[in-house]
Amino acid sequence: KPGGCKKCDFSGYKGRFAVYEILYT
């Protein structure tokens, strides 16, 4: 779970990434 520190501006999160699903018809 998120903590919080100076590097992440105390949010517990740093950056984003994509998740996806691909449905071939």
mmCIF file of all heavy atoms, coordinates in Angstrom:
data_MODEL
# 
_entry.id   MODEL 
# 
loop_
_atom_site.group_PDB 
_atom_site.id 
_atom_site.type_symbol 
_atom_site.label_atom_id 
_atom_site.label_alt_id 
_atom_site.label_comp_id 
_atom_site.label_asym_id 
_atom_site.label_entity_id 
_atom_site.label_seq_id 
_atom_site.pdbx_PDB_ins_code 
_atom_site.Cartn_x 
_atom_site.Cartn_y 
_atom_site.Cartn_z 
_atom_site.occupancy 
_atom_site.B_iso_or_equiv 
_atom_site.pdbx_formal_charge 
_atom_site.auth_seq_id 
_atom_site.auth_comp_id 
_atom_site.auth_asym_id 
_atom_site.auth_atom_id 
_atom_site.pdbx_PDB_model_num 
ATOM 1   N N   . LYS A 1 1  ? 0.860   -1.179  0.000   1.00 0.00 ? 1  LYS A N   1 
ATOM 2   C CA  . LYS A 1 1  ? 0.000   0.000   0.000   1.00 0.00 ? 1  LYS A CA  1 
ATOM 3   C C   . LYS A 1 1  ? 0.898   1.233   0.000   1.00 0.00 ? 1  LYS A C   1 
ATOM 4   O O   . LYS A 1 1  ? 2.086   1.136   0.305   1.00 0.00 ? 1  LYS A O   1 
ATOM 5   C CB  . LYS A 1 1  ? -0.947  -0.008  1.199   1.00 0.00 ? 1  LYS A CB  1 
ATOM 6   C CG  . LYS A 1 1  ? -0.255  0.018   2.544   1.00 0.00 ? 1  LYS A CG  1 
ATOM 7   C CD  . LYS A 1 1  ? -1.300  -0.079  3.645   1.00 0.00 ? 1  LYS A CD  1 
ATOM 8   C CE  . LYS A 1 1  ? -0.623  -0.141  5.012   1.00 0.00 ? 1  LYS A CE  1 
ATOM 9   N NZ  . LYS A 1 1  ? -1.606  -0.276  6.089   1.00 0.00 ? 1  LYS A NZ  1 
ATOM 10  N N   . PRO A 1 2  ? 0.344   2.391   -0.353  1.00 0.00 ? 2  PRO A N   1 
ATOM 11  C CA  . PRO A 1 2  ? 1.168   3.593   -0.421  1.00 0.00 ? 2  PRO A CA  1 
ATOM 12  C C   . PRO A 1 2  ? 1.640   4.033   0.957   1.00 0.00 ? 2  PRO A C   1 
ATOM 13  O O   . PRO A 1 2  ? 0.926   3.897   1.952   1.00 0.00 ? 2  PRO A O   1 
ATOM 14  C CB  . PRO A 1 2  ? 0.235   4.633   -1.052  1.00 0.00 ? 2  PRO A CB  1 
ATOM 15  C CG  . PRO A 1 2  ? -1.138  4.125   -0.817  1.00 0.00 ? 2  PRO A CG  1 
ATOM 16  C CD  . PRO A 1 2  ? -1.043  2.646   -0.739  1.00 0.00 ? 2  PRO A CD  1 
ATOM 17  N N   . GLY A 1 3  ? 2.857   4.549   0.990   1.00 0.00 ? 3  GLY A N   1 
ATOM 18  C CA  . GLY A 1 3  ? 3.403   5.145   2.209   1.00 0.00 ? 3  GLY A CA  1 
ATOM 19  C C   . GLY A 1 3  ? 3.338   6.651   2.060   1.00 0.00 ? 3  GLY A C   1 
ATOM 20  O O   . GLY A 1 3  ? 2.272   7.243   2.112   1.00 0.00 ? 3  GLY A O   1 
ATOM 21  N N   . GLY A 1 4  ? 4.473   7.238   1.807   1.00 0.00 ? 4  GLY A N   1 
ATOM 22  C CA  . GLY A 1 4  ? 4.568   8.677   1.610   1.00 0.00 ? 4  GLY A CA  1 
ATOM 23  C C   . GLY A 1 4  ? 5.961   9.142   1.988   1.00 0.00 ? 4  GLY A C   1 
ATOM 24  O O   . GLY A 1 4  ? 6.398   8.913   3.106   1.00 0.00 ? 4  GLY A O   1 
ATOM 25  N N   . CYS A 1 5  ? 6.640   9.750   1.056   1.00 0.00 ? 5  CYS A N   1 
ATOM 26  C CA  . CYS A 1 5  ? 7.987   10.252  1.317   1.00 0.00 ? 5  CYS A CA  1 
ATOM 27  C C   . CYS A 1 5  ? 8.219   11.500  0.455   1.00 0.00 ? 5  CYS A C   1 
ATOM 28  O O   . CYS A 1 5  ? 7.368   11.877  -0.349  1.00 0.00 ? 5  CYS A O   1 
ATOM 29  C CB  . CYS A 1 5  ? 9.034   9.174   1.020   1.00 0.00 ? 5  CYS A CB  1 
ATOM 30  S SG  . CYS A 1 5  ? 9.221   8.730   -0.722  1.00 0.00 ? 5  CYS A SG  1 
ATOM 31  N N   . LYS A 1 6  ? 9.386   12.091  0.635   1.00 0.00 ? 6  LYS A N   1 
ATOM 32  C CA  . LYS A 1 6  ? 9.717   13.299  -0.121  1.00 0.00 ? 6  LYS A CA  1 
ATOM 33  C C   . LYS A 1 6  ? 9.771   13.045  -1.630  1.00 0.00 ? 6  LYS A C   1 
ATOM 34  O O   . LYS A 1 6  ? 9.337   13.866  -2.418  1.00 0.00 ? 6  LYS A O   1 
ATOM 35  C CB  . LYS A 1 6  ? 11.069  13.827  0.365   1.00 0.00 ? 6  LYS A CB  1 
ATOM 36  C CG  . LYS A 1 6  ? 11.085  15.272  0.683   1.00 0.00 ? 6  LYS A CG  1 
ATOM 37  C CD  . LYS A 1 6  ? 12.449  15.687  1.222   1.00 0.00 ? 6  LYS A CD  1 
ATOM 38  C CE  . LYS A 1 6  ? 12.356  17.136  1.629   1.00 0.00 ? 6  LYS A CE  1 
ATOM 39  N NZ  . LYS A 1 6  ? 13.573  17.617  2.228   1.00 0.00 ? 6  LYS A NZ  1 
ATOM 40  N N   . LYS A 1 7  ? 10.300  11.859  -2.022  1.00 0.00 ? 7  LYS A N   1 
ATOM 41  C CA  . LYS A 1 7  ? 10.466  11.555  -3.450  1.00 0.00 ? 7  LYS A CA  1 
ATOM 42  C C   . LYS A 1 7  ? 9.134   11.504  -4.205  1.00 0.00 ? 7  LYS A C   1 
ATOM 43  O O   . LYS A 1 7  ? 9.077   11.809  -5.381  1.00 0.00 ? 7  LYS A O   1 
ATOM 44  C CB  . LYS A 1 7  ? 11.220  10.245  -3.644  1.00 0.00 ? 7  LYS A CB  1 
ATOM 45  C CG  . LYS A 1 7  ? 12.692  10.366  -3.354  1.00 0.00 ? 7  LYS A CG  1 
ATOM 46  C CD  . LYS A 1 7  ? 13.417  9.111   -3.752  1.00 0.00 ? 7  LYS A CD  1 
ATOM 47  C CE  . LYS A 1 7  ? 14.907  9.280   -3.519  1.00 0.00 ? 7  LYS A CE  1 
ATOM 48  N NZ  . LYS A 1 7  ? 15.666  8.121   -3.957  1.00 0.00 ? 7  LYS A NZ  1 
ATOM 49  N N   . CYS A 1 8  ? 8.054   11.087  -3.514  1.00 0.00 ? 8  CYS A N   1 
ATOM 50  C CA  . CYS A 1 8  ? 6.743   10.988  -4.177  1.00 0.00 ? 8  CYS A CA  1 
ATOM 51  C C   . CYS A 1 8  ? 5.812   12.106  -3.727  1.00 0.00 ? 8  CYS A C   1 
ATOM 52  O O   . CYS A 1 8  ? 4.602   12.030  -3.943  1.00 0.00 ? 8  CYS A O   1 
ATOM 53  C CB  . CYS A 1 8  ? 6.108   9.622   -3.914  1.00 0.00 ? 8  CYS A CB  1 
ATOM 54  S SG  . CYS A 1 8  ? 5.723   9.286   -2.195  1.00 0.00 ? 8  CYS A SG  1 
ATOM 55  N N   . ASP A 1 9  ? 6.373   13.120  -3.112  1.00 0.00 ? 9  ASP A N   1 
ATOM 56  C CA  . ASP A 1 9  ? 5.601   14.264  -2.621  1.00 0.00 ? 9  ASP A CA  1 
ATOM 57  C C   . ASP A 1 9  ? 4.535   13.814  -1.614  1.00 0.00 ? 9  ASP A C   1 
ATOM 58  O O   . ASP A 1 9  ? 3.429   14.325  -1.578  1.00 0.00 ? 9  ASP A O   1 
ATOM 59  C CB  . ASP A 1 9  ? 4.966   15.025  -3.793  1.00 0.00 ? 9  ASP A CB  1 
ATOM 60  C CG  . ASP A 1 9  ? 4.699   16.483  -3.474  1.00 0.00 ? 9  ASP A CG  1 
ATOM 61  O OD1 . ASP A 1 9  ? 5.275   16.994  -2.497  1.00 0.00 ? 9  ASP A OD1 1 
ATOM 62  O OD2 . ASP A 1 9  ? 3.893   17.097  -4.200  1.00 0.00 ? 9  ASP A OD2 1 
ATOM 63  N N   . PHE A 1 10 ? 4.894   12.789  -0.830  1.00 0.00 ? 10 PHE A N   1 
ATOM 64  C CA  . PHE A 1 10 ? 4.062   12.256  0.259   1.00 0.00 ? 10 PHE A CA  1 
ATOM 65  C C   . PHE A 1 10 ? 2.723   11.682  -0.211  1.00 0.00 ? 10 PHE A C   1 
ATOM 66  O O   . PHE A 1 10 ? 1.785   11.593  0.563   1.00 0.00 ? 10 PHE A O   1 
ATOM 67  C CB  . PHE A 1 10 ? 3.876   13.306  1.357   1.00 0.00 ? 10 PHE A CB  1 
ATOM 68  C CG  . PHE A 1 10 ? 5.177   13.736  1.947   1.00 0.00 ? 10 PHE A CG  1 
ATOM 69  C CD1 . PHE A 1 10 ? 5.803   14.896  1.516   1.00 0.00 ? 10 PHE A CD1 1 
ATOM 70  C CD2 . PHE A 1 10 ? 5.813   12.956  2.901   1.00 0.00 ? 10 PHE A CD2 1 
ATOM 71  C CE1 . PHE A 1 10 ? 7.022   15.287  2.038   1.00 0.00 ? 10 PHE A CE1 1 
ATOM 72  C CE2 . PHE A 1 10 ? 7.043   13.326  3.425   1.00 0.00 ? 10 PHE A CE2 1 
ATOM 73  C CZ  . PHE A 1 10 ? 7.653   14.493  2.997   1.00 0.00 ? 10 PHE A CZ  1 
ATOM 74  N N   . SER A 1 11 ? 2.662   11.251  -1.475  1.00 0.00 ? 11 SER A N   1 
ATOM 75  C CA  . SER A 1 11 ? 1.430   10.648  -1.991  1.00 0.00 ? 11 SER A CA  1 
ATOM 76  C C   . SER A 1 11 ? 1.460   9.124   -1.916  1.00 0.00 ? 11 SER A C   1 
ATOM 77  O O   . SER A 1 11 ? 0.417   8.481   -1.930  1.00 0.00 ? 11 SER A O   1 
ATOM 78  C CB  . SER A 1 11 ? 1.196   11.060  -3.448  1.00 0.00 ? 11 SER A CB  1 
ATOM 79  O OG  . SER A 1 11 ? 2.173   10.446  -4.280  1.00 0.00 ? 11 SER A OG  1 
ATOM 80  N N   . GLY A 1 12 ? 2.662   8.543   -1.904  1.00 0.00 ? 12 GLY A N   1 
ATOM 81  C CA  . GLY A 1 12 ? 2.800   7.095   -1.930  1.00 0.00 ? 12 GLY A CA  1 
ATOM 82  C C   . GLY A 1 12 ? 2.884   6.536   -3.340  1.00 0.00 ? 12 GLY A C   1 
ATOM 83  O O   . GLY A 1 12 ? 3.115   5.344   -3.533  1.00 0.00 ? 12 GLY A O   1 
ATOM 84  N N   . TYR A 1 13 ? 2.687   7.397   -4.329  1.00 0.00 ? 13 TYR A N   1 
ATOM 85  C CA  . TYR A 1 13 ? 2.717   6.972   -5.735  1.00 0.00 ? 13 TYR A CA  1 
ATOM 86  C C   . TYR A 1 13 ? 3.698   7.847   -6.509  1.00 0.00 ? 13 TYR A C   1 
ATOM 87  O O   . TYR A 1 13 ? 3.832   9.031   -6.236  1.00 0.00 ? 13 TYR A O   1 
ATOM 88  C CB  . TYR A 1 13 ? 1.330   7.096   -6.371  1.00 0.00 ? 13 TYR A CB  1 
ATOM 89  C CG  . TYR A 1 13 ? 0.303   6.180   -5.753  1.00 0.00 ? 13 TYR A CG  1 
ATOM 90  C CD1 . TYR A 1 13 ? -0.553  6.621   -4.756  1.00 0.00 ? 13 TYR A CD1 1 
ATOM 91  C CD2 . TYR A 1 13 ? 0.194   4.859   -6.179  1.00 0.00 ? 13 TYR A CD2 1 
ATOM 92  C CE1 . TYR A 1 13 ? -1.498  5.785   -4.192  1.00 0.00 ? 13 TYR A CE1 1 
ATOM 93  C CE2 . TYR A 1 13 ? -0.749  4.011   -5.618  1.00 0.00 ? 13 TYR A CE2 1 
ATOM 94  C CZ  . TYR A 1 13 ? -1.588  4.480   -4.627  1.00 0.00 ? 13 TYR A CZ  1 
ATOM 95  O OH  . TYR A 1 13 ? -2.520  3.644   -4.068  1.00 0.00 ? 13 TYR A OH  1 
ATOM 96  N N   . LYS A 1 14 ? 4.378   7.225   -7.476  1.00 0.00 ? 14 LYS A N   1 
ATOM 97  C CA  . LYS A 1 14 ? 5.318   7.968   -8.310  1.00 0.00 ? 14 LYS A CA  1 
ATOM 98  C C   . LYS A 1 14 ? 5.206   7.455   -9.737  1.00 0.00 ? 14 LYS A C   1 
ATOM 99  O O   . LYS A 1 14 ? 5.642   6.353   -10.049 1.00 0.00 ? 14 LYS A O   1 
ATOM 100 C CB  . LYS A 1 14 ? 6.732   7.790   -7.781  1.00 0.00 ? 14 LYS A CB  1 
ATOM 101 C CG  . LYS A 1 14 ? 7.754   8.691   -8.432  1.00 0.00 ? 14 LYS A CG  1 
ATOM 102 C CD  . LYS A 1 14 ? 9.051   8.649   -7.650  1.00 0.00 ? 14 LYS A CD  1 
ATOM 103 C CE  . LYS A 1 14 ? 10.139  9.428   -8.309  1.00 0.00 ? 14 LYS A CE  1 
ATOM 104 N NZ  . LYS A 1 14 ? 9.950   10.832  -8.389  1.00 0.00 ? 14 LYS A NZ  1 
ATOM 105 N N   . GLY A 1 15 ? 4.540   8.223   -10.583 1.00 0.00 ? 15 GLY A N   1 
ATOM 106 C CA  . GLY A 1 15 ? 4.363   7.843   -11.979 1.00 0.00 ? 15 GLY A CA  1 
ATOM 107 C C   . GLY A 1 15 ? 3.123   6.997   -12.196 1.00 0.00 ? 15 GLY A C   1 
ATOM 108 O O   . GLY A 1 15 ? 2.383   6.687   -11.259 1.00 0.00 ? 15 GLY A O   1 
ATOM 109 N N   . ARG A 1 16 ? 2.921   6.644   -13.459 1.00 0.00 ? 16 ARG A N   1 
ATOM 110 C CA  . ARG A 1 16 ? 1.770   5.834   -13.865 1.00 0.00 ? 16 ARG A CA  1 
ATOM 111 C C   . ARG A 1 16 ? 2.215   4.808   -14.898 1.00 0.00 ? 16 ARG A C   1 
ATOM 112 O O   . ARG A 1 16 ? 3.267   4.943   -15.512 1.00 0.00 ? 16 ARG A O   1 
ATOM 113 C CB  . ARG A 1 16 ? 0.679   6.715   -14.473 1.00 0.00 ? 16 ARG A CB  1 
ATOM 114 C CG  . ARG A 1 16 ? 0.059   7.672   -13.477 1.00 0.00 ? 16 ARG A CG  1 
ATOM 115 C CD  . ARG A 1 16 ? -1.014  8.510   -14.155 1.00 0.00 ? 16 ARG A CD  1 
ATOM 116 N NE  . ARG A 1 16 ? -1.539  9.497   -13.250 1.00 0.00 ? 16 ARG A NE  1 
ATOM 117 C CZ  . ARG A 1 16 ? -2.661  9.361   -12.556 1.00 0.00 ? 16 ARG A CZ  1 
ATOM 118 N NH1 . ARG A 1 16 ? -3.383  8.274   -12.682 1.00 0.00 ? 16 ARG A NH1 1 
ATOM 119 N NH2 . ARG A 1 16 ? -3.078  10.310  -11.758 1.00 0.00 ? 16 ARG A NH2 1 
ATOM 120 N N   . PHE A 1 17 ? 1.387   3.814   -15.085 1.00 0.00 ? 17 PHE A N   1 
ATOM 121 C CA  . PHE A 1 17 ? 1.605   2.838   -16.153 1.00 0.00 ? 17 PHE A CA  1 
ATOM 122 C C   . PHE A 1 17 ? 0.243   2.424   -16.699 1.00 0.00 ? 17 PHE A C   1 
ATOM 123 O O   . PHE A 1 17 ? -0.786  2.627   -16.052 1.00 0.00 ? 17 PHE A O   1 
ATOM 124 C CB  . PHE A 1 17 ? 2.418   1.627   -15.674 1.00 0.00 ? 17 PHE A CB  1 
ATOM 125 C CG  . PHE A 1 17 ? 1.751   0.808   -14.605 1.00 0.00 ? 17 PHE A CG  1 
ATOM 126 C CD1 . PHE A 1 17 ? 1.049   -0.340  -14.931 1.00 0.00 ? 17 PHE A CD1 1 
ATOM 127 C CD2 . PHE A 1 17 ? 1.837   1.180   -13.269 1.00 0.00 ? 17 PHE A CD2 1 
ATOM 128 C CE1 . PHE A 1 17 ? 0.433   -1.097  -13.946 1.00 0.00 ? 17 PHE A CE1 1 
ATOM 129 C CE2 . PHE A 1 17 ? 1.236   0.426   -12.276 1.00 0.00 ? 17 PHE A CE2 1 
ATOM 130 C CZ  . PHE A 1 17 ? 0.531   -0.716  -12.617 1.00 0.00 ? 17 PHE A CZ  1 
ATOM 131 N N   . ALA A 1 18 ? 0.239   1.858   -17.887 1.00 0.00 ? 18 ALA A N   1 
ATOM 132 C CA  . ALA A 1 18 ? -1.017  1.469   -18.539 1.00 0.00 ? 18 ALA A CA  1 
ATOM 133 C C   . ALA A 1 18 ? -1.293  -0.015  -18.320 1.00 0.00 ? 18 ALA A C   1 
ATOM 134 O O   . ALA A 1 18 ? -0.385  -0.840  -18.345 1.00 0.00 ? 18 ALA A O   1 
ATOM 135 C CB  . ALA A 1 18 ? -0.953  1.761   -20.029 1.00 0.00 ? 18 ALA A CB  1 
ATOM 136 N N   . VAL A 1 19 ? -2.549  -0.315  -18.091 1.00 0.00 ? 19 VAL A N   1 
ATOM 137 C CA  . VAL A 1 19 ? -3.033  -1.695  -18.125 1.00 0.00 ? 19 VAL A CA  1 
ATOM 138 C C   . VAL A 1 19 ? -4.118  -1.734  -19.192 1.00 0.00 ? 19 VAL A C   1 
ATOM 139 O O   . VAL A 1 19 ? -4.782  -0.725  -19.436 1.00 0.00 ? 19 VAL A O   1 
ATOM 140 C CB  . VAL A 1 19 ? -3.569  -2.184  -16.767 1.00 0.00 ? 19 VAL A CB  1 
ATOM 141 C CG1 . VAL A 1 19 ? -2.453  -2.315  -15.755 1.00 0.00 ? 19 VAL A CG1 1 
ATOM 142 C CG2 . VAL A 1 19 ? -4.658  -1.276  -16.236 1.00 0.00 ? 19 VAL A CG2 1 
ATOM 143 N N   . TYR A 1 20 ? -4.277  -2.873  -19.820 1.00 0.00 ? 20 TYR A N   1 
ATOM 144 C CA  . TYR A 1 20 ? -5.222  -2.916  -20.928 1.00 0.00 ? 20 TYR A CA  1 
ATOM 145 C C   . TYR A 1 20 ? -5.737  -4.327  -21.145 1.00 0.00 ? 20 TYR A C   1 
ATOM 146 O O   . TYR A 1 20 ? -5.189  -5.305  -20.631 1.00 0.00 ? 20 TYR A O   1 
ATOM 147 C CB  . TYR A 1 20 ? -4.582  -2.395  -22.205 1.00 0.00 ? 20 TYR A CB  1 
ATOM 148 C CG  . TYR A 1 20 ? -3.291  -3.087  -22.546 1.00 0.00 ? 20 TYR A CG  1 
ATOM 149 C CD1 . TYR A 1 20 ? -3.287  -4.234  -23.326 1.00 0.00 ? 20 TYR A CD1 1 
ATOM 150 C CD2 . TYR A 1 20 ? -2.076  -2.613  -22.070 1.00 0.00 ? 20 TYR A CD2 1 
ATOM 151 C CE1 . TYR A 1 20 ? -2.114  -4.886  -23.616 1.00 0.00 ? 20 TYR A CE1 1 
ATOM 152 C CE2 . TYR A 1 20 ? -0.883  -3.255  -22.357 1.00 0.00 ? 20 TYR A CE2 1 
ATOM 153 C CZ  . TYR A 1 20 ? -0.917  -4.391  -23.134 1.00 0.00 ? 20 TYR A CZ  1 
ATOM 154 O OH  . TYR A 1 20 ? 0.250   -5.046  -23.421 1.00 0.00 ? 20 TYR A OH  1 
ATOM 155 N N   . GLU A 1 21 ? -6.815  -4.395  -21.906 1.00 0.00 ? 21 GLU A N   1 
ATOM 156 C CA  . GLU A 1 21 ? -7.329  -5.658  -22.397 1.00 0.00 ? 21 GLU A CA  1 
ATOM 157 C C   . GLU A 1 21 ? -7.632  -5.457  -23.877 1.00 0.00 ? 21 GLU A C   1 
ATOM 158 O O   . GLU A 1 21 ? -8.065  -4.378  -24.280 1.00 0.00 ? 21 GLU A O   1 
ATOM 159 C CB  . GLU A 1 21 ? -8.561  -6.124  -21.620 1.00 0.00 ? 21 GLU A CB  1 
ATOM 160 C CG  . GLU A 1 21 ? -9.729  -5.179  -21.657 1.00 0.00 ? 21 GLU A CG  1 
ATOM 161 C CD  . GLU A 1 21 ? -10.849 -5.538  -20.695 1.00 0.00 ? 21 GLU A CD  1 
ATOM 162 O OE1 . GLU A 1 21 ? -10.651 -6.351  -19.785 1.00 0.00 ? 21 GLU A OE1 1 
ATOM 163 O OE2 . GLU A 1 21 ? -11.948 -4.987  -20.873 1.00 0.00 ? 21 GLU A OE2 1 
ATOM 164 N N   . ILE A 1 22 ? -7.372  -6.487  -24.656 1.00 0.00 ? 22 ILE A N   1 
ATOM 165 C CA  . ILE A 1 22 ? -7.623  -6.422  -26.094 1.00 0.00 ? 22 ILE A CA  1 
ATOM 166 C C   . ILE A 1 22 ? -8.543  -7.577  -26.453 1.00 0.00 ? 22 ILE A C   1 
ATOM 167 O O   . ILE A 1 22 ? -8.215  -8.741  -26.221 1.00 0.00 ? 22 ILE A O   1 
ATOM 168 C CB  . ILE A 1 22 ? -6.322  -6.520  -26.911 1.00 0.00 ? 22 ILE A CB  1 
ATOM 169 C CG1 . ILE A 1 22 ? -5.361  -5.399  -26.510 1.00 0.00 ? 22 ILE A CG1 1 
ATOM 170 C CG2 . ILE A 1 22 ? -6.625  -6.479  -28.410 1.00 0.00 ? 22 ILE A CG2 1 
ATOM 171 C CD1 . ILE A 1 22 ? -3.983  -5.521  -27.127 1.00 0.00 ? 22 ILE A CD1 1 
ATOM 172 N N   . LEU A 1 23 ? -9.704  -7.235  -26.989 1.00 0.00 ? 23 LEU A N   1 
ATOM 173 C CA  . LEU A 1 23 ? -10.691 -8.234  -27.380 1.00 0.00 ? 23 LEU A CA  1 
ATOM 174 C C   . LEU A 1 23 ? -10.704 -8.331  -28.899 1.00 0.00 ? 23 LEU A C   1 
ATOM 175 O O   . LEU A 1 23 ? -11.103 -7.392  -29.590 1.00 0.00 ? 23 LEU A O   1 
ATOM 176 C CB  . LEU A 1 23 ? -12.077 -7.832  -26.868 1.00 0.00 ? 23 LEU A CB  1 
ATOM 177 C CG  . LEU A 1 23 ? -13.251 -8.679  -27.334 1.00 0.00 ? 23 LEU A CG  1 
ATOM 178 C CD1 . LEU A 1 23 ? -13.074 -10.133 -26.916 1.00 0.00 ? 23 LEU A CD1 1 
ATOM 179 C CD2 . LEU A 1 23 ? -14.546 -8.108  -26.775 1.00 0.00 ? 23 LEU A CD2 1 
ATOM 180 N N   . TYR A 1 24 ? -10.203 -9.448  -29.411 1.00 0.00 ? 24 TYR A N   1 
ATOM 181 C CA  . TYR A 1 24 ? -10.257 -9.692  -30.843 1.00 0.00 ? 24 TYR A CA  1 
ATOM 182 C C   . TYR A 1 24 ? -11.611 -10.306 -31.162 1.00 0.00 ? 24 TYR A C   1 
ATOM 183 O O   . TYR A 1 24 ? -12.016 -11.285 -30.543 1.00 0.00 ? 24 TYR A O   1 
ATOM 184 C CB  . TYR A 1 24 ? -9.128  -10.633 -31.279 1.00 0.00 ? 24 TYR A CB  1 
ATOM 185 C CG  . TYR A 1 24 ? -7.775  -10.009 -31.122 1.00 0.00 ? 24 TYR A CG  1 
ATOM 186 C CD1 . TYR A 1 24 ? -6.996  -10.262 -30.000 1.00 0.00 ? 24 TYR A CD1 1 
ATOM 187 C CD2 . TYR A 1 24 ? -7.281  -9.124  -32.075 1.00 0.00 ? 24 TYR A CD2 1 
ATOM 188 C CE1 . TYR A 1 24 ? -5.753  -9.669  -29.837 1.00 0.00 ? 24 TYR A CE1 1 
ATOM 189 C CE2 . TYR A 1 24 ? -6.044  -8.536  -31.936 1.00 0.00 ? 24 TYR A CE2 1 
ATOM 190 C CZ  . TYR A 1 24 ? -5.286  -8.807  -30.803 1.00 0.00 ? 24 TYR A CZ  1 
ATOM 191 O OH  . TYR A 1 24 ? -4.070  -8.210  -30.653 1.00 0.00 ? 24 TYR A OH  1 
ATOM 192 N N   . THR A 1 25 ? -12.313 -9.704  -32.112 1.00 0.00 ? 25 THR A N   1 
ATOM 193 C CA  . THR A 1 25 ? -13.632 -10.210 -32.453 1.00 0.00 ? 25 THR A CA  1 
ATOM 194 C C   . THR A 1 25 ? -13.515 -11.388 -33.419 1.00 0.00 ? 25 THR A C   1 
ATOM 195 O O   . THR A 1 25 ? -12.654 -11.401 -34.296 1.00 0.00 ? 25 THR A O   1 
ATOM 196 C CB  . THR A 1 25 ? -14.505 -9.104  -33.076 1.00 0.00 ? 25 THR A CB  1 
ATOM 197 O OG1 . THR A 1 25 ? -13.834 -8.563  -34.219 1.00 0.00 ? 25 THR A OG1 1 
ATOM 198 C CG2 . THR A 1 25 ? -14.767 -7.996  -32.088 1.00 0.00 ? 25 THR A CG2 1 
# 
